[in-house]
Amino acid sequence: MKTICFRCNEIIRPGLDDVHCSSGLCMDCLIEALKPLYRRRQKREGYFDCFGTARGYCDQVNCSYRKICIHRTI
């Protein structure tokens, strides 16, 4: 069974081309969906509210969301 992003229709996990597909969010759509929530939390925790803007580098080394923001992985 393949998994398709229900927001952008990107194939997240390939599988058999049958009528039944699983759905979820691809990493880019997940990050877009989490931006408002994580930015509020960053601000509350005393960090810059910059989630989703890093492109390979972030100087906020203790931020809880650094890994997903930089490496785009959970």
N, C-alpha and C. Protein backbone atom coordinates (compact mmCIF):
# COMPACT_ATOMS: atom_id res chain seq x y z
N MET A 1 0.85 -1.17 0.00
CA MET A 1 0.00 0.00 0.00
C MET A 1 0.90 1.24 0.00
N LYS A 2 0.65 2.14 -0.92
CA LYS A 2 1.45 3.36 -0.93
C LYS A 2 0.83 4.42 -0.03
N THR A 3 1.64 5.34 0.40
CA THR A 3 1.20 6.43 1.26
C THR A 3 1.37 7.73 0.49
N ILE A 4 0.30 8.52 0.45
CA ILE A 4 0.27 9.77 -0.30
C ILE A 4 -0.03 10.93 0.64
N CYS A 5 0.68 12.04 0.45
CA CYS A 5 0.40 13.25 1.23
C CYS A 5 -0.98 13.77 0.84
N PHE A 6 -1.85 13.94 1.82
CA PHE A 6 -3.20 14.40 1.50
C PHE A 6 -3.26 15.88 1.20
N ARG A 7 -2.17 16.59 1.41
CA ARG A 7 -2.16 18.02 1.13
C ARG A 7 -1.62 18.34 -0.27
N CYS A 8 -0.51 17.69 -0.66
CA CYS A 8 0.11 18.00 -1.96
C CYS A 8 0.11 16.82 -2.93
N ASN A 9 -0.37 15.67 -2.48
CA ASN A 9 -0.44 14.44 -3.29
C ASN A 9 0.90 13.83 -3.65
N GLU A 10 1.98 14.23 -2.98
CA GLU A 10 3.29 13.61 -3.19
C GLU A 10 3.26 12.20 -2.62
N ILE A 11 3.91 11.27 -3.29
CA ILE A 11 4.02 9.91 -2.77
C ILE A 11 5.08 9.91 -1.68
N ILE A 12 4.65 9.60 -0.47
CA ILE A 12 5.54 9.58 0.68
C ILE A 12 6.27 8.25 0.74
N ARG A 13 5.53 7.18 0.56
CA ARG A 13 6.09 5.83 0.60
C ARG A 13 5.49 5.06 -0.56
N PRO A 14 6.33 4.63 -1.51
CA PRO A 14 5.79 3.89 -2.65
C PRO A 14 5.22 2.54 -2.22
N GLY A 15 4.34 2.05 -3.03
CA GLY A 15 3.75 0.74 -2.76
C GLY A 15 3.00 0.28 -3.99
N LEU A 16 2.19 -0.71 -3.82
CA LEU A 16 1.42 -1.22 -4.94
C LEU A 16 0.43 -0.17 -5.43
N ASP A 17 0.23 -0.14 -6.73
CA ASP A 17 -0.74 0.79 -7.32
C ASP A 17 -2.13 0.16 -7.28
N ASP A 18 -2.70 0.12 -6.11
CA ASP A 18 -4.06 -0.39 -5.99
C ASP A 18 -4.99 0.76 -5.59
N VAL A 19 -6.23 0.47 -5.47
CA VAL A 19 -7.20 1.52 -5.15
C VAL A 19 -7.07 2.05 -3.74
N HIS A 20 -6.52 1.27 -2.85
CA HIS A 20 -6.40 1.68 -1.46
C HIS A 20 -5.04 2.30 -1.19
N CYS A 21 -5.06 3.50 -0.68
CA CYS A 21 -3.83 4.20 -0.30
C CYS A 21 -3.98 4.70 1.12
N SER A 22 -2.87 4.78 1.79
CA SER A 22 -2.84 5.40 3.10
C SER A 22 -2.51 6.88 2.88
N SER A 23 -2.84 7.72 3.82
CA SER A 23 -2.52 9.13 3.65
C SER A 23 -1.90 9.70 4.91
N GLY A 24 -1.18 10.77 4.73
CA GLY A 24 -0.51 11.46 5.81
C GLY A 24 0.04 12.75 5.24
N LEU A 25 1.02 13.32 5.90
CA LEU A 25 1.66 14.54 5.41
C LEU A 25 3.11 14.25 5.07
N CYS A 26 3.57 14.75 3.91
CA CYS A 26 4.99 14.67 3.59
C CYS A 26 5.72 15.65 4.52
N MET A 27 7.03 15.57 4.58
CA MET A 27 7.80 16.39 5.52
C MET A 27 7.58 17.88 5.28
N ASP A 28 7.57 18.32 4.02
CA ASP A 28 7.37 19.75 3.74
C ASP A 28 6.00 20.23 4.22
N CYS A 29 4.95 19.45 3.96
CA CYS A 29 3.61 19.84 4.40
C CYS A 29 3.46 19.76 5.91
N LEU A 30 4.13 18.79 6.53
CA LEU A 30 4.11 18.68 7.99
C LEU A 30 4.74 19.92 8.62
N ILE A 31 5.88 20.34 8.09
CA ILE A 31 6.56 21.52 8.62
C ILE A 31 5.68 22.76 8.44
N GLU A 32 5.03 22.90 7.30
CA GLU A 32 4.12 24.03 7.08
C GLU A 32 2.98 24.01 8.10
N ALA A 33 2.44 22.83 8.36
CA ALA A 33 1.33 22.71 9.30
C ALA A 33 1.76 23.01 10.74
N LEU A 34 3.01 22.69 11.07
CA LEU A 34 3.50 22.88 12.44
C LEU A 34 4.07 24.27 12.72
N LYS A 35 4.33 25.05 11.69
CA LYS A 35 4.97 26.36 11.87
C LYS A 35 4.29 27.24 12.91
N PRO A 36 2.98 27.49 12.82
CA PRO A 36 2.36 28.38 13.81
C PRO A 36 2.49 27.86 15.25
N LEU A 37 2.27 26.58 15.44
CA LEU A 37 2.35 25.99 16.78
C LEU A 37 3.77 26.06 17.33
N TYR A 38 4.74 25.61 16.54
CA TYR A 38 6.12 25.58 17.01
C TYR A 38 6.69 26.98 17.20
N ARG A 39 6.30 27.93 16.37
CA ARG A 39 6.79 29.30 16.53
C ARG A 39 6.26 29.93 17.82
N ARG A 40 5.01 29.67 18.16
CA ARG A 40 4.47 30.16 19.44
C ARG A 40 5.25 29.56 20.61
N ARG A 41 5.51 28.27 20.52
CA ARG A 41 6.26 27.60 21.58
C ARG A 41 7.69 28.13 21.68
N GLN A 42 8.33 28.36 20.53
CA GLN A 42 9.69 28.90 20.55
C GLN A 42 9.72 30.24 21.28
N LYS A 43 8.77 31.09 20.95
CA LYS A 43 8.70 32.42 21.58
C LYS A 43 8.51 32.29 23.09
N ARG A 44 7.61 31.41 23.48
CA ARG A 44 7.32 31.18 24.90
C ARG A 44 8.55 30.64 25.63
N GLU A 45 9.38 29.85 24.94
CA GLU A 45 10.57 29.26 25.55
C GLU A 45 11.78 30.19 25.48
N GLY A 46 11.62 31.38 24.89
CA GLY A 46 12.70 32.36 24.87
C GLY A 46 13.61 32.29 23.65
N TYR A 47 13.18 31.59 22.61
CA TYR A 47 13.96 31.49 21.38
C TYR A 47 13.33 32.38 20.31
N PHE A 48 14.06 32.58 19.22
CA PHE A 48 13.49 33.27 18.07
C PHE A 48 12.35 32.42 17.53
N ASP A 49 11.29 33.05 17.06
CA ASP A 49 10.17 32.31 16.48
C ASP A 49 10.44 32.12 14.98
N CYS A 50 11.36 31.21 14.69
CA CYS A 50 11.89 31.07 13.34
C CYS A 50 11.70 29.67 12.76
N PHE A 51 10.90 28.82 13.38
CA PHE A 51 10.77 27.45 12.93
C PHE A 51 10.44 27.38 11.44
N GLY A 52 11.16 26.53 10.74
CA GLY A 52 10.91 26.32 9.32
C GLY A 52 11.69 27.22 8.40
N THR A 53 12.54 28.09 8.96
CA THR A 53 13.30 29.02 8.10
C THR A 53 14.76 28.61 7.93
N ALA A 54 15.26 27.71 8.77
CA ALA A 54 16.67 27.30 8.68
C ALA A 54 16.91 26.50 7.41
N ARG A 55 18.02 26.75 6.80
CA ARG A 55 18.42 26.00 5.61
C ARG A 55 19.82 25.45 5.82
N GLY A 56 19.92 24.49 6.72
CA GLY A 56 21.19 23.84 6.97
C GLY A 56 21.97 24.36 8.16
N TYR A 57 21.57 25.50 8.73
CA TYR A 57 22.30 26.06 9.88
C TYR A 57 21.32 26.75 10.82
N CYS A 58 21.56 26.57 12.12
CA CYS A 58 20.78 27.26 13.14
C CYS A 58 21.67 27.45 14.36
N ASP A 59 21.72 28.68 14.88
CA ASP A 59 22.56 28.95 16.05
C ASP A 59 21.80 28.76 17.36
N GLN A 60 20.55 28.35 17.30
CA GLN A 60 19.74 28.11 18.49
C GLN A 60 19.92 26.64 18.91
N VAL A 61 21.12 26.32 19.42
CA VAL A 61 21.50 24.92 19.65
C VAL A 61 20.65 24.19 20.69
N ASN A 62 19.99 24.88 21.58
CA ASN A 62 19.18 24.22 22.60
C ASN A 62 17.69 24.24 22.29
N CYS A 63 17.32 24.73 21.14
CA CYS A 63 15.91 24.79 20.76
C CYS A 63 15.38 23.36 20.55
N SER A 64 14.21 23.09 21.07
CA SER A 64 13.60 21.77 20.98
C SER A 64 13.27 21.36 19.55
N TYR A 65 13.13 22.32 18.66
CA TYR A 65 12.66 22.05 17.31
C TYR A 65 13.77 22.12 16.26
N ARG A 66 14.99 22.25 16.72
CA ARG A 66 16.15 22.42 15.83
C ARG A 66 16.32 21.25 14.86
N LYS A 67 16.22 20.03 15.37
CA LYS A 67 16.45 18.85 14.53
C LYS A 67 15.48 18.79 13.35
N ILE A 68 14.20 18.92 13.62
CA ILE A 68 13.22 18.83 12.54
C ILE A 68 13.34 20.03 11.60
N CYS A 69 13.70 21.17 12.14
CA CYS A 69 13.81 22.39 11.33
C CYS A 69 15.00 22.31 10.37
N ILE A 70 16.15 21.90 10.87
CA ILE A 70 17.37 21.86 10.04
C ILE A 70 17.41 20.62 9.16
N HIS A 71 17.20 19.47 9.77
CA HIS A 71 17.38 18.20 9.05
C HIS A 71 16.11 17.72 8.38
N ARG A 72 14.99 18.40 8.67
CA ARG A 72 13.70 18.04 8.09
C ARG A 72 13.40 16.55 8.29
N THR A 73 13.67 16.13 9.51
CA THR A 73 13.40 14.74 9.88
C THR A 73 12.91 14.69 11.32
N ILE A 74 12.16 13.70 11.62
CA ILE A 74 11.63 13.55 12.98
C ILE A 74 12.34 12.39 13.66
